């Protein structure tokens, strides 16, 4: 579980996970291209290193298809964290606090 927390600690890796959640089964080239469109781009080498860390943490699974390597989000480790750390708290209380926060923030924006 430590590897999962370390992997999730980096904003670039969370962005890669978001990209895979939006469209699973992407190649390294596809991920790089989509990241370049959405904001500050990372080098191909940086993306590759981040993906290796995510694979090591079991957050990304890969499948070879010919010469391509497809990357897929594995949500199980994140679910396990939720079950171990978040489920201990009462979800209804957390939801009430979240709703209150959203309501207060919406009032400030008006």
PDB file of N, CA and C in Angstrom:
ATOM      1  N   UNK A   1       0.817  -1.195   0.000  1.00  0.00           N
ATOM      2  CA  UNK A   1       0.000   0.000   0.000  1.00  0.00           C
ATOM      3  C   UNK A   1       0.863   1.261   0.000  1.00  0.00           C
ATOM      4  N   UNK A   2       2.069   1.163   0.536  1.00  0.00           N
ATOM      5  CA  UNK A   2       2.973   2.319   0.521  1.00  0.00           C
ATOM      6  C   UNK A   2       3.294   2.760  -0.905  1.00  0.00           C
ATOM      7  N   UNK A   3       3.480   1.787  -1.800  1.00  0.00           N
ATOM      8  CA  UNK A   3       3.779   2.115  -3.200  1.00  0.00           C
ATOM      9  C   UNK A   3       2.619   2.855  -3.846  1.00  0.00           C
ATOM     10  N   UNK A   4       1.403   2.508  -3.474  1.00  0.00           N
ATOM     11  CA  UNK A   4       0.222   3.182  -4.023  1.00  0.00           C
ATOM     12  C   UNK A   4       0.187   4.631  -3.552  1.00  0.00           C
ATOM     13  N   UNK A   5       0.409   4.847  -2.253  1.00  0.00           N
ATOM     14  CA  UNK A   5       0.413   6.216  -1.734  1.00  0.00           C
ATOM     15  C   UNK A   5       1.530   7.044  -2.371  1.00  0.00           C
ATOM     16  N   UNK A   6       2.706   6.446  -2.537  1.00  0.00           N
ATOM     17  CA  UNK A   6       3.815   7.176  -3.176  1.00  0.00           C
ATOM     18  C   UNK A   6       3.473   7.523  -4.613  1.00  0.00           C
ATOM     19  N   UNK A   7       2.862   6.595  -5.320  1.00  0.00           N
ATOM     20  CA  UNK A   7       2.495   6.845  -6.715  1.00  0.00           C
ATOM     21  C   UNK A   7       1.440   7.941  -6.823  1.00  0.00           C
ATOM     22  N   UNK A   8       0.484   7.926  -5.911  1.00  0.00           N
ATOM     23  CA  UNK A   8      -0.599   8.915  -5.948  1.00  0.00           C
ATOM     24  C   UNK A   8      -0.172  10.284  -5.449  1.00  0.00           C
ATOM     25  N   UNK A   9       0.978  10.365  -4.804  1.00  0.00           N
ATOM     26  CA  UNK A   9       1.449  11.640  -4.246  1.00  0.00           C
ATOM     27  C   UNK A   9       1.854  12.638  -5.328  1.00  0.00           C
ATOM     28  N   UNK A  10       2.108  12.171  -6.539  1.00  0.00           N
ATOM     29  CA  UNK A  10       2.582  13.041  -7.612  1.00  0.00           C
ATOM     30  C   UNK A  10       1.425  13.460  -8.520  1.00  0.00           C
ATOM     31  N   UNK A  11       1.298  14.754  -8.749  1.00  0.00           N
ATOM     32  CA  UNK A  11       0.204  15.293  -9.571  1.00  0.00           C
ATOM     33  C   UNK A  11       0.254  14.795 -11.017  1.00  0.00           C
ATOM     34  N   UNK A  12       1.447  14.617 -11.564  1.00  0.00           N
ATOM     35  CA  UNK A  12       1.573  14.133 -12.946  1.00  0.00           C
ATOM     36  C   UNK A  12       1.053  12.711 -13.072  1.00  0.00           C
ATOM     37  N   UNK A  13       1.323  11.894 -12.073  1.00  0.00           N
ATOM     38  CA  UNK A  13       0.834  10.513 -12.112  1.00  0.00           C
ATOM     39  C   UNK A  13      -0.682  10.471 -11.933  1.00  0.00           C
ATOM     40  N   UNK A  14      -1.213  11.353 -11.085  1.00  0.00           N
ATOM     41  CA  UNK A  14      -2.669  11.413 -10.945  1.00  0.00           C
ATOM     42  C   UNK A  14      -3.308  11.852 -12.265  1.00  0.00           C
ATOM     43  N   UNK A  15      -2.659  12.769 -12.974  1.00  0.00           N
ATOM     44  CA  UNK A  15      -3.157  13.207 -14.288  1.00  0.00           C
ATOM     45  C   UNK A  15      -3.177  12.034 -15.273  1.00  0.00           C
ATOM     46  N   UNK A  16      -2.140  11.219 -15.253  1.00  0.00           N
ATOM     47  CA  UNK A  16      -2.113  10.040 -16.130  1.00  0.00           C
ATOM     48  C   UNK A  16      -3.252   9.083 -15.782  1.00  0.00           C
ATOM     49  N   UNK A  17      -3.491   8.876 -14.501  1.00  0.00           N
ATOM     50  CA  UNK A  17      -4.600   8.013 -14.089  1.00  0.00           C
ATOM     51  C   UNK A  17      -5.936   8.593 -14.545  1.00  0.00           C
ATOM     52  N   UNK A  18      -6.084   9.911 -14.462  1.00  0.00           N
ATOM     53  CA  UNK A  18      -7.311  10.557 -14.944  1.00  0.00           C
ATOM     54  C   UNK A  18      -7.483  10.341 -16.441  1.00  0.00           C
ATOM     55  N   UNK A  19      -6.397  10.430 -17.179  1.00  0.00           N
ATOM     56  CA  UNK A  19      -6.455  10.214 -18.638  1.00  0.00           C
ATOM     57  C   UNK A  19      -6.866   8.781 -18.954  1.00  0.00           C
ATOM     58  N   UNK A  20      -6.346   7.836 -18.182  1.00  0.00           N
ATOM     59  CA  UNK A  20      -6.714   6.434 -18.405  1.00  0.00           C
ATOM     60  C   UNK A  20      -8.143   6.159 -17.960  1.00  0.00           C
ATOM     61  N   UNK A  21      -8.596   6.853 -16.938  1.00  0.00           N
ATOM     62  CA  UNK A  21      -9.988   6.691 -16.509  1.00  0.00           C
ATOM     63  C   UNK A  21     -10.926   7.202 -17.602  1.00  0.00           C
ATOM     64  N   UNK A  22     -10.551   8.289 -18.244  1.00  0.00           N
ATOM     65  CA  UNK A  22     -11.377   8.868 -19.308  1.00  0.00           C
ATOM     66  C   UNK A  22     -11.385   7.974 -20.549  1.00  0.00           C
ATOM     67  N   UNK A  23     -10.233   7.407 -20.850  1.00  0.00           N
ATOM     68  CA  UNK A  23     -10.126   6.533 -22.030  1.00  0.00           C
ATOM     69  C   UNK A  23      -9.072   5.473 -21.742  1.00  0.00           C
ATOM     70  N   UNK A  24      -9.532   4.292 -21.405  1.00  0.00           N
ATOM     71  CA  UNK A  24      -8.638   3.204 -21.037  1.00  0.00           C
ATOM     72  C   UNK A  24      -7.994   2.584 -22.277  1.00  0.00           C
ATOM     73  N   UNK A  25      -6.848   1.952 -22.098  1.00  0.00           N
ATOM     74  CA  UNK A  25      -6.196   1.238 -23.186  1.00  0.00           C
ATOM     75  C   UNK A  25      -5.421   2.129 -24.136  1.00  0.00           C
ATOM     76  N   UNK A  26      -4.689   3.103 -23.610  1.00  0.00           N
ATOM     77  CA  UNK A  26      -3.935   4.029 -24.443  1.00  0.00           C
ATOM     78  C   UNK A  26      -2.468   3.613 -24.527  1.00  0.00           C
ATOM     79  N   UNK A  27      -1.865   3.938 -25.648  1.00  0.00           N
ATOM     80  CA  UNK A  27      -0.431   3.735 -25.820  1.00  0.00           C
ATOM     81  C   UNK A  27       0.314   4.916 -25.202  1.00  0.00           C
ATOM     82  N   UNK A  28       1.612   4.773 -25.079  1.00  0.00           N
ATOM     83  CA  UNK A  28       2.439   5.862 -24.573  1.00  0.00           C
ATOM     84  C   UNK A  28       2.304   7.093 -25.467  1.00  0.00           C
ATOM     85  N   UNK A  29       2.321   6.890 -26.763  1.00  0.00           N
ATOM     86  CA  UNK A  29       2.182   8.009 -27.713  1.00  0.00           C
ATOM     87  C   UNK A  29       0.853   8.730 -27.549  1.00  0.00           C
ATOM     88  N   UNK A  30      -0.225   7.971 -27.381  1.00  0.00           N
ATOM     89  CA  UNK A  30      -1.548   8.579 -27.205  1.00  0.00           C
ATOM     90  C   UNK A  30      -1.606   9.386 -25.910  1.00  0.00           C
ATOM     91  N   UNK A  31      -1.056   8.833 -24.846  1.00  0.00           N
ATOM     92  CA  UNK A  31      -1.042   9.559 -23.574  1.00  0.00           C
ATOM     93  C   UNK A  31      -0.244  10.853 -23.693  1.00  0.00           C
ATOM     94  N   UNK A  32       0.911  10.792 -24.323  1.00  0.00           N
ATOM     95  CA  UNK A  32       1.739  11.986 -24.503  1.00  0.00           C
ATOM     96  C   UNK A  32       1.000  13.043 -25.311  1.00  0.00           C
ATOM     97  N   UNK A  33       0.336  12.629 -26.382  1.00  0.00           N
ATOM     98  CA  UNK A  33      -0.386  13.561 -27.243  1.00  0.00           C
ATOM     99  C   UNK A  33      -1.530  14.228 -26.486  1.00  0.00           C
ATOM    100  N   UNK A  34      -2.260  13.460 -25.710  1.00  0.00           N
ATOM    101  CA  UNK A  34      -3.391  14.028 -24.963  1.00  0.00           C
ATOM    102  C   UNK A  34      -2.916  14.948 -23.846  1.00  0.00           C
ATOM    103  N   UNK A  35      -1.805  14.614 -23.226  1.00  0.00           N
ATOM    104  CA  UNK A  35      -1.256  15.484 -22.191  1.00  0.00           C
ATOM    105  C   UNK A  35      -0.786  16.809 -22.795  1.00  0.00           C
ATOM    106  N   UNK A  36      -0.218  16.748 -23.985  1.00  0.00           N
ATOM    107  CA  UNK A  36       0.260  17.967 -24.646  1.00  0.00           C
ATOM    108  C   UNK A  36      -0.900  18.906 -24.975  1.00  0.00           C
ATOM    109  N   UNK A  37      -2.064  18.334 -25.307  1.00  0.00           N
ATOM    110  CA  UNK A  37      -3.237  19.149 -25.639  1.00  0.00           C
ATOM    111  C   UNK A  37      -3.847  19.818 -24.410  1.00  0.00           C
ATOM    112  N   UNK A  38      -3.702  19.177 -23.262  1.00  0.00           N
ATOM    113  CA  UNK A  38      -4.406  19.660 -22.071  1.00  0.00           C
ATOM    114  C   UNK A  38      -3.637  20.659 -21.227  1.00  0.00           C
ATOM    115  N   UNK A  39      -2.396  20.903 -21.533  1.00  0.00           N
ATOM    116  CA  UNK A  39      -1.634  21.841 -20.715  1.00  0.00           C
ATOM    117  C   UNK A  39      -0.155  21.625 -20.877  1.00  0.00           C
ATOM    118  N   UNK A  40       0.606  21.911 -19.827  1.00  0.00           N
ATOM    119  CA  UNK A  40       2.054  21.755 -19.936  1.00  0.00           C
ATOM    120  C   UNK A  40       2.398  20.302 -20.242  1.00  0.00           C
ATOM    121  N   UNK A  41       3.145  20.108 -21.297  1.00  0.00           N
ATOM    122  CA  UNK A  41       3.444  18.743 -21.713  1.00  0.00           C
ATOM    123  C   UNK A  41       4.655  18.182 -20.973  1.00  0.00           C
ATOM    124  N   UNK A  42       4.664  16.871 -20.878  1.00  0.00           N
ATOM    125  CA  UNK A  42       5.795  16.152 -20.313  1.00  0.00           C
ATOM    126  C   UNK A  42       6.522  15.480 -21.460  1.00  0.00           C
ATOM    127  N   UNK A  43       7.788  15.243 -21.275  1.00  0.00           N
ATOM    128  CA  UNK A  43       8.526  14.512 -22.297  1.00  0.00           C
ATOM    129  C   UNK A  43       8.054  13.069 -22.303  1.00  0.00           C
ATOM    130  N   UNK A  44       8.284  12.431 -23.407  1.00  0.00           N
ATOM    131  CA  UNK A  44       7.927  11.018 -23.538  1.00  0.00           C
ATOM    132  C   UNK A  44       8.633  10.190 -22.468  1.00  0.00           C
ATOM    133  N   UNK A  45       9.881  10.538 -22.202  1.00  0.00           N
ATOM    134  CA  UNK A  45      10.656   9.821 -21.195  1.00  0.00           C
ATOM    135  C   UNK A  45      10.047  10.009 -19.800  1.00  0.00           C
ATOM    136  N   UNK A  46       9.605  11.209 -19.472  1.00  0.00           N
ATOM    137  CA  UNK A  46       8.981  11.474 -18.172  1.00  0.00           C
ATOM    138  C   UNK A  46       7.682  10.689 -18.022  1.00  0.00           C
ATOM    139  N   UNK A  47       6.859  10.683 -19.070  1.00  0.00           N
ATOM    140  CA  UNK A  47       5.600   9.928 -19.040  1.00  0.00           C
ATOM    141  C   UNK A  47       5.894   8.450 -18.836  1.00  0.00           C
ATOM    142  N   UNK A  48       6.899   7.952 -19.542  1.00  0.00           N
ATOM    143  CA  UNK A  48       7.281   6.547 -19.421  1.00  0.00           C
ATOM    144  C   UNK A  48       7.720   6.210 -17.994  1.00  0.00           C
ATOM    145  N   UNK A  49       8.483   7.080 -17.377  1.00  0.00           N
ATOM    146  CA  UNK A  49       8.927   6.847 -15.991  1.00  0.00           C
ATOM    147  C   UNK A  49       7.742   6.868 -15.029  1.00  0.00           C
ATOM    148  N   UNK A  50       6.832   7.808 -15.220  1.00  0.00           N
ATOM    149  CA  UNK A  50       5.648   7.873 -14.363  1.00  0.00           C
ATOM    150  C   UNK A  50       4.793   6.609 -14.528  1.00  0.00           C
ATOM    151  N   UNK A  51       4.642   6.147 -15.759  1.00  0.00           N
ATOM    152  CA  UNK A  51       3.865   4.929 -15.998  1.00  0.00           C
ATOM    153  C   UNK A  51       4.511   3.719 -15.328  1.00  0.00           C
ATOM    154  N   UNK A  52       5.837   3.668 -15.332  1.00  0.00           N
ATOM    155  CA  UNK A  52       6.543   2.558 -14.681  1.00  0.00           C
ATOM    156  C   UNK A  52       6.266   2.554 -13.175  1.00  0.00           C
ATOM    157  N   UNK A  53       6.224   3.727 -12.567  1.00  0.00           N
ATOM    158  CA  UNK A  53       5.924   3.825 -11.134  1.00  0.00           C
ATOM    159  C   UNK A  53       4.483   3.397 -10.870  1.00  0.00           C
ATOM    160  N   UNK A  54       3.571   3.802 -11.740  1.00  0.00           N
ATOM    161  CA  UNK A  54       2.172   3.413 -11.595  1.00  0.00           C
ATOM    162  C   UNK A  54       1.996   1.906 -11.779  1.00  0.00           C
ATOM    163  N   UNK A  55       2.746   1.322 -12.714  1.00  0.00           N
ATOM    164  CA  UNK A  55       2.708  -0.132 -12.900  1.00  0.00           C
ATOM    165  C   UNK A  55       3.235  -0.850 -11.668  1.00  0.00           C
ATOM    166  N   UNK A  56       4.329  -0.343 -11.128  1.00  0.00           N
ATOM    167  CA  UNK A  56       4.942  -0.940  -9.937  1.00  0.00           C
ATOM    168  C   UNK A  56       3.973  -0.929  -8.754  1.00  0.00           C
ATOM    169  N   UNK A  57       3.154   0.114  -8.675  1.00  0.00           N
ATOM    170  CA  UNK A  57       2.157   0.234  -7.608  1.00  0.00           C
ATOM    171  C   UNK A  57       0.867  -0.519  -7.946  1.00  0.00           C
ATOM    172  N   UNK A  58       0.839  -1.174  -9.089  1.00  0.00           N
ATOM    173  CA  UNK A  58      -0.310  -1.939  -9.561  1.00  0.00           C
ATOM    174  C   UNK A  58      -1.526  -1.061  -9.858  1.00  0.00           C
ATOM    175  N   UNK A  59      -1.288   0.214 -10.138  1.00  0.00           N
ATOM    176  CA  UNK A  59      -2.369   1.123 -10.506  1.00  0.00           C
ATOM    177  C   UNK A  59      -2.621   1.132 -12.008  1.00  0.00           C
ATOM    178  N   UNK A  60      -1.644   0.649 -12.760  1.00  0.00           N
ATOM    179  CA  UNK A  60      -1.758   0.545 -14.213  1.00  0.00           C
ATOM    180  C   UNK A  60      -1.334  -0.859 -14.619  1.00  0.00           C
ATOM    181  N   UNK A  61      -2.137  -1.458 -15.485  1.00  0.00           N
ATOM    182  CA  UNK A  61      -1.811  -2.763 -16.064  1.00  0.00           C
ATOM    183  C   UNK A  61      -1.548  -2.557 -17.546  1.00  0.00           C
ATOM    184  N   UNK A  62      -0.664  -3.349 -18.097  1.00  0.00           N
ATOM    185  CA  UNK A  62      -0.336  -3.202 -19.514  1.00  0.00           C
ATOM    186  C   UNK A  62      -0.612  -4.504 -20.264  1.00  0.00           C
ATOM    187  N   UNK A  63      -0.929  -4.330 -21.530  1.00  0.00           N
ATOM    188  CA  UNK A  63      -1.165  -5.462 -22.426  1.00  0.00           C
ATOM    189  C   UNK A  63      -0.437  -5.155 -23.723  1.00  0.00           C
ATOM    190  N   UNK A  64       0.355  -6.096 -24.195  1.00  0.00           N
ATOM    191  CA  UNK A  64       1.034  -5.908 -25.480  1.00  0.00           C
ATOM    192  C   UNK A  64       0.097  -6.330 -26.599  1.00  0.00           C
ATOM    193  N   UNK A  65       0.030  -5.465 -27.619  1.00  0.00           N
ATOM    194  CA  UNK A  65      -0.754  -5.752 -28.814  1.00  0.00           C
ATOM    195  C   UNK A  65       0.158  -5.481 -29.994  1.00  0.00           C
ATOM    196  N   UNK A  66       0.748  -6.530 -30.512  1.00  0.00           N
ATOM    197  CA  UNK A  66       1.732  -6.354 -31.570  1.00  0.00           C
ATOM    198  C   UNK A  66       2.929  -5.603 -31.019  1.00  0.00           C
ATOM    199  N   UNK A  67       3.267  -4.493 -31.652  1.00  0.00           N
ATOM    200  CA  UNK A  67       4.387  -3.677 -31.186  1.00  0.00           C
ATOM    201  C   UNK A  67       3.962  -2.631 -30.169  1.00  0.00           C
ATOM    202  N   UNK A  68       2.665  -2.516 -29.944  1.00  0.00           N
ATOM    203  CA  UNK A  68       2.153  -1.504 -29.026  1.00  0.00           C
ATOM    204  C   UNK A  68       1.984  -2.080 -27.622  1.00  0.00           C
ATOM    205  N   UNK A  69       2.086  -1.194 -26.666  1.00  0.00           N
ATOM    206  CA  UNK A  69       1.835  -1.546 -25.270  1.00  0.00           C
ATOM    207  C   UNK A  69       0.694  -0.655 -24.790  1.00  0.00           C
ATOM    208  N   UNK A  70      -0.424  -1.281 -24.474  1.00  0.00           N
ATOM    209  CA  UNK A  70      -1.605  -0.543 -24.044  1.00  0.00           C
ATOM    210  C   UNK A  70      -1.631  -0.459 -22.521  1.00  0.00           C
ATOM    211  N   UNK A  71      -1.999   0.706 -22.015  1.00  0.00           N
ATOM    212  CA  UNK A  71      -2.033   0.956 -20.573  1.00  0.00           C
ATOM    213  C   UNK A  71      -3.480   1.056 -20.107  1.00  0.00           C
ATOM    214  N   UNK A  72      -3.783   0.334 -19.037  1.00  0.00           N
ATOM    215  CA  UNK A  72      -5.134   0.299 -18.487  1.00  0.00           C
ATOM    216  C   UNK A  72      -5.108   0.666 -17.006  1.00  0.00           C
ATOM    217  N   UNK A  73      -6.091   1.423 -16.584  1.00  0.00           N
ATOM    218  CA  UNK A  73      -6.246   1.775 -15.183  1.00  0.00           C
ATOM    219  C   UNK A  73      -6.685   0.549 -14.402  1.00  0.00           C
ATOM    220  N   UNK A  74      -6.041   0.310 -13.268  1.00  0.00           N
ATOM    221  CA  UNK A  74      -6.462  -0.738 -12.348  1.00  0.00           C
ATOM    222  C   UNK A  74      -6.983  -0.048 -11.090  1.00  0.00           C
ATOM    223  N   UNK A  75      -8.303   0.050 -10.917  1.00  0.00           N
ATOM    224  CA  UNK A  75      -8.853   0.789  -9.782  1.00  0.00           C
ATOM    225  C   UNK A  75      -8.842   0.023  -8.457  1.00  0.00           C
ATOM    226  N   UNK A  76      -8.457  -1.232  -8.468  1.00  0.00           N
ATOM    227  CA  UNK A  76      -8.538  -2.056  -7.255  1.00  0.00           C
ATOM    228  C   UNK A  76      -7.709  -1.489  -6.096  1.00  0.00           C
ATOM    229  N   UNK A  77      -6.441  -1.090  -6.306  1.00  0.00           N
ATOM    230  CA  UNK A  77      -5.686  -0.547  -5.165  1.00  0.00           C
ATOM    231  C   UNK A  77      -6.312   0.721  -4.570  1.00  0.00           C
ATOM    232  N   UNK A  78      -6.912   1.555  -5.399  1.00  0.00           N
ATOM    233  CA  UNK A  78      -7.567   2.769  -4.902  1.00  0.00           C
ATOM    234  C   UNK A  78      -8.814   2.387  -4.110  1.00  0.00           C
ATOM    235  N   UNK A  79      -9.540   1.404  -4.599  1.00  0.00           N
ATOM    236  CA  UNK A  79     -10.710   0.903  -3.874  1.00  0.00           C
ATOM    237  C   UNK A  79     -10.297   0.333  -2.516  1.00  0.00           C
ATOM    238  N   UNK A  80      -9.203  -0.405  -2.498  1.00  0.00           N
ATOM    239  CA  UNK A  80      -8.707  -0.972  -1.243  1.00  0.00           C
ATOM    240  C   UNK A  80      -8.371   0.112  -0.226  1.00  0.00           C
ATOM    241  N   UNK A  81      -7.776   1.206  -0.700  1.00  0.00           N
ATOM    242  CA  UNK A  81      -7.477   2.335   0.194  1.00  0.00           C
ATOM    243  C   UNK A  81      -8.774   2.906   0.751  1.00  0.00           C
ATOM    244  N   UNK A  82      -9.750   3.068  -0.117  1.00  0.00           N
ATOM    245  CA  UNK A  82     -11.039   3.580   0.324  1.00  0.00           C
ATOM    246  C   UNK A  82     -11.676   2.682   1.368  1.00  0.00           C
ATOM    247  N   UNK A  83     -11.617   1.399   1.146  1.00  0.00           N
ATOM    248  CA  UNK A  83     -12.205   0.460   2.092  1.00  0.00           C
ATOM    249  C   UNK A  83     -11.456   0.464   3.418  1.00  0.00           C
ATOM    250  N   UNK A  84     -10.146   0.541   3.356  1.00  0.00           N
ATOM    251  CA  UNK A  84      -9.357   0.473   4.583  1.00  0.00           C
ATOM    252  C   UNK A  84      -9.385   1.774   5.378  1.00  0.00           C
ATOM    253  N   UNK A  85      -9.282   2.908   4.691  1.00  0.00           N
ATOM    254  CA  UNK A  85      -9.127   4.186   5.386  1.00  0.00           C
ATOM    255  C   UNK A  85     -10.404   4.997   5.463  1.00  0.00           C
ATOM    256  N   UNK A  86     -11.191   5.012   4.421  1.00  0.00           N
ATOM    257  CA  UNK A  86     -12.364   5.883   4.385  1.00  0.00           C
ATOM    258  C   UNK A  86     -13.593   5.185   4.953  1.00  0.00           C
ATOM    259  N   UNK A  87     -13.728   3.895   4.701  1.00  0.00           N
ATOM    260  CA  UNK A  87     -14.906   3.170   5.170  1.00  0.00           C
ATOM    261  C   UNK A  87     -14.981   3.119   6.692  1.00  0.00           C
ATOM    262  N   UNK A  88     -13.863   3.353   7.362  1.00  0.00           N
ATOM    263  CA  UNK A  88     -13.881   3.351   8.825  1.00  0.00           C
ATOM    264  C   UNK A  88     -14.706   4.504   9.374  1.00  0.00           C
ATOM    265  N   UNK A  89     -14.816   5.552   8.621  1.00  0.00           N
ATOM    266  CA  UNK A  89     -15.600   6.705   9.032  1.00  0.00           C
ATOM    267  C   UNK A  89     -17.019   6.537   8.511  1.00  0.00           C
ATOM    268  N   UNK A  90     -17.918   7.190   9.146  1.00  0.00           N
ATOM    269  CA  UNK A  90     -19.293   7.111   8.685  1.00  0.00           C
ATOM    270  C   UNK A  90     -19.446   7.915   7.403  1.00  0.00           C
ATOM    271  N   UNK A  91     -19.828   7.226   6.354  1.00  0.00           N
ATOM    272  CA  UNK A  91     -19.962   7.885   5.051  1.00  0.00           C
ATOM    273  C   UNK A  91     -21.002   9.000   5.093  1.00  0.00           C
ATOM    274  N   UNK A  92     -22.061   8.814   5.849  1.00  0.00           N
ATOM    275  CA  UNK A  92     -23.106   9.841   5.882  1.00  0.00           C
ATOM    276  C   UNK A  92     -22.579  11.140   6.486  1.00  0.00           C
ATOM    277  N   UNK A  93     -21.744  11.036   7.508  1.00  0.00           N
ATOM    278  CA  UNK A  93     -21.176  12.252   8.098  1.00  0.00           C
ATOM    279  C   UNK A  93     -20.208  12.924   7.134  1.00  0.00           C
ATOM    280  N   UNK A  94     -19.412  12.126   6.464  1.00  0.00           N
ATOM    281  CA  UNK A  94     -18.493  12.696   5.481  1.00  0.00           C
ATOM    282  C   UNK A  94     -19.258  13.356   4.343  1.00  0.00           C
ATOM    283  N   UNK A  95     -20.341  12.727   3.910  1.00  0.00           N
ATOM    284  CA  UNK A  95     -21.151  13.301   2.837  1.00  0.00           C
ATOM    285  C   UNK A  95     -21.790  14.603   3.295  1.00  0.00           C
ATOM    286  N   UNK A  96     -22.263  14.653   4.531  1.00  0.00           N
ATOM    287  CA  UNK A  96     -22.867  15.876   5.064  1.00  0.00           C
ATOM    288  C   UNK A  96     -21.843  17.008   5.112  1.00  0.00           C
ATOM    289  N   UNK A  97     -20.632  16.706   5.540  1.00  0.00           N
ATOM    290  CA  UNK A  97     -19.582  17.722   5.563  1.00  0.00           C
ATOM    291  C   UNK A  97     -19.233  18.190   4.154  1.00  0.00           C
ATOM    292  N   UNK A  98     -19.164  17.263   3.241  1.00  0.00           N
ATOM    293  CA  UNK A  98     -18.863  17.606   1.849  1.00  0.00           C
ATOM    294  C   UNK A  98     -19.962  18.497   1.264  1.00  0.00           C
ATOM    295  N   UNK A  99     -21.213  18.159   1.535  1.00  0.00           N
ATOM    296  CA  UNK A  99     -22.344  18.954   1.043  1.00  0.00           C
ATOM    297  C   UNK A  99     -22.315  20.362   1.639  1.00  0.00           C
ATOM    298  N   UNK A 100     -22.005  20.457   2.934  1.00  0.00           N
ATOM    299  CA  UNK A 100     -21.914  21.749   3.595  1.00  0.00           C
ATOM    300  C   UNK A 100     -20.807  22.598   2.979  1.00  0.00           C
ATOM    301  N   UNK A 101     -19.665  21.989   2.743  1.00  0.00           N
ATOM    302  CA  UNK A 101     -18.531  22.698   2.135  1.00  0.00           C
ATOM    303  C   UNK A 101     -18.913  23.225   0.756  1.00  0.00           C
ATOM    304  N   UNK A 102     -19.534  22.390  -0.065  1.00  0.00           N
ATOM    305  CA  UNK A 102     -19.953  22.799  -1.405  1.00  0.00           C
ATOM    306  C   UNK A 102     -20.955  23.939  -1.336  1.00  0.00           C
ATOM    307  N   UNK A 103     -21.884  23.833  -0.397  1.00  0.00           N
ATOM    308  CA  UNK A 103     -22.895  24.876  -0.237  1.00  0.00           C
ATOM    309  C   UNK A 103     -22.263  26.212   0.160  1.00  0.00           C
ATOM    310  N   UNK A 104     -21.341  26.163   1.105  1.00  0.00           N
ATOM    311  CA  UNK A 104     -20.664  27.382   1.540  1.00  0.00           C
ATOM    312  C   UNK A 104     -19.814  27.978   0.418  1.00  0.00           C
ATOM    313  N   UNK A 105     -19.127  27.128  -0.320  1.00  0.00           N
ATOM    314  CA  UNK A 105     -18.305  27.620  -1.430  1.00  0.00           C
ATOM    315  C   UNK A 105     -19.181  28.234  -2.518  1.00  0.00           C
ATOM    316  N   UNK A 106     -20.330  27.644  -2.776  1.00  0.00           N
ATOM    317  CA  UNK A 106     -21.256  28.189  -3.786  1.00  0.00           C
ATOM    318  C   UNK A 106     -21.781  29.547  -3.338  1.00  0.00           C
ATOM    319  N   UNK A 107     -22.032  29.713  -2.038  1.00  0.00           N
ATOM    320  CA  UNK A 107     -22.492  30.984  -1.515  1.00  0.00           C
ATOM    321  C   UNK A 107     -21.444  32.072  -1.625  1.00  0.00           C
ATOM    322  N   UNK A 108     -20.179  31.704  -1.464  1.00  0.00           N
ATOM    323  CA  UNK A 108     -19.080  32.684  -1.577  1.00  0.00           C
ATOM    324  C   UNK A 108     -18.894  33.147  -3.001  1.00  0.00           C
ATOM    325  N   UNK A 109     -19.192  32.301  -3.966  1.00  0.00           N
ATOM    326  CA  UNK A 109     -18.963  32.643  -5.369  1.00  0.00           C
ATOM    327  C   UNK A 109     -20.042  33.565  -5.914  1.00  0.00           C
ATOM    328  N   UNK A 110     -21.145  33.670  -5.226  1.00  0.00           N
ATOM    329  CA  UNK A 110     -22.247  34.526  -5.717  1.00  0.00           C
ATOM    330  C   UNK A 110     -22.005  35.934  -5.467  1.00  0.00           C
TER     331      UNK A 110
END
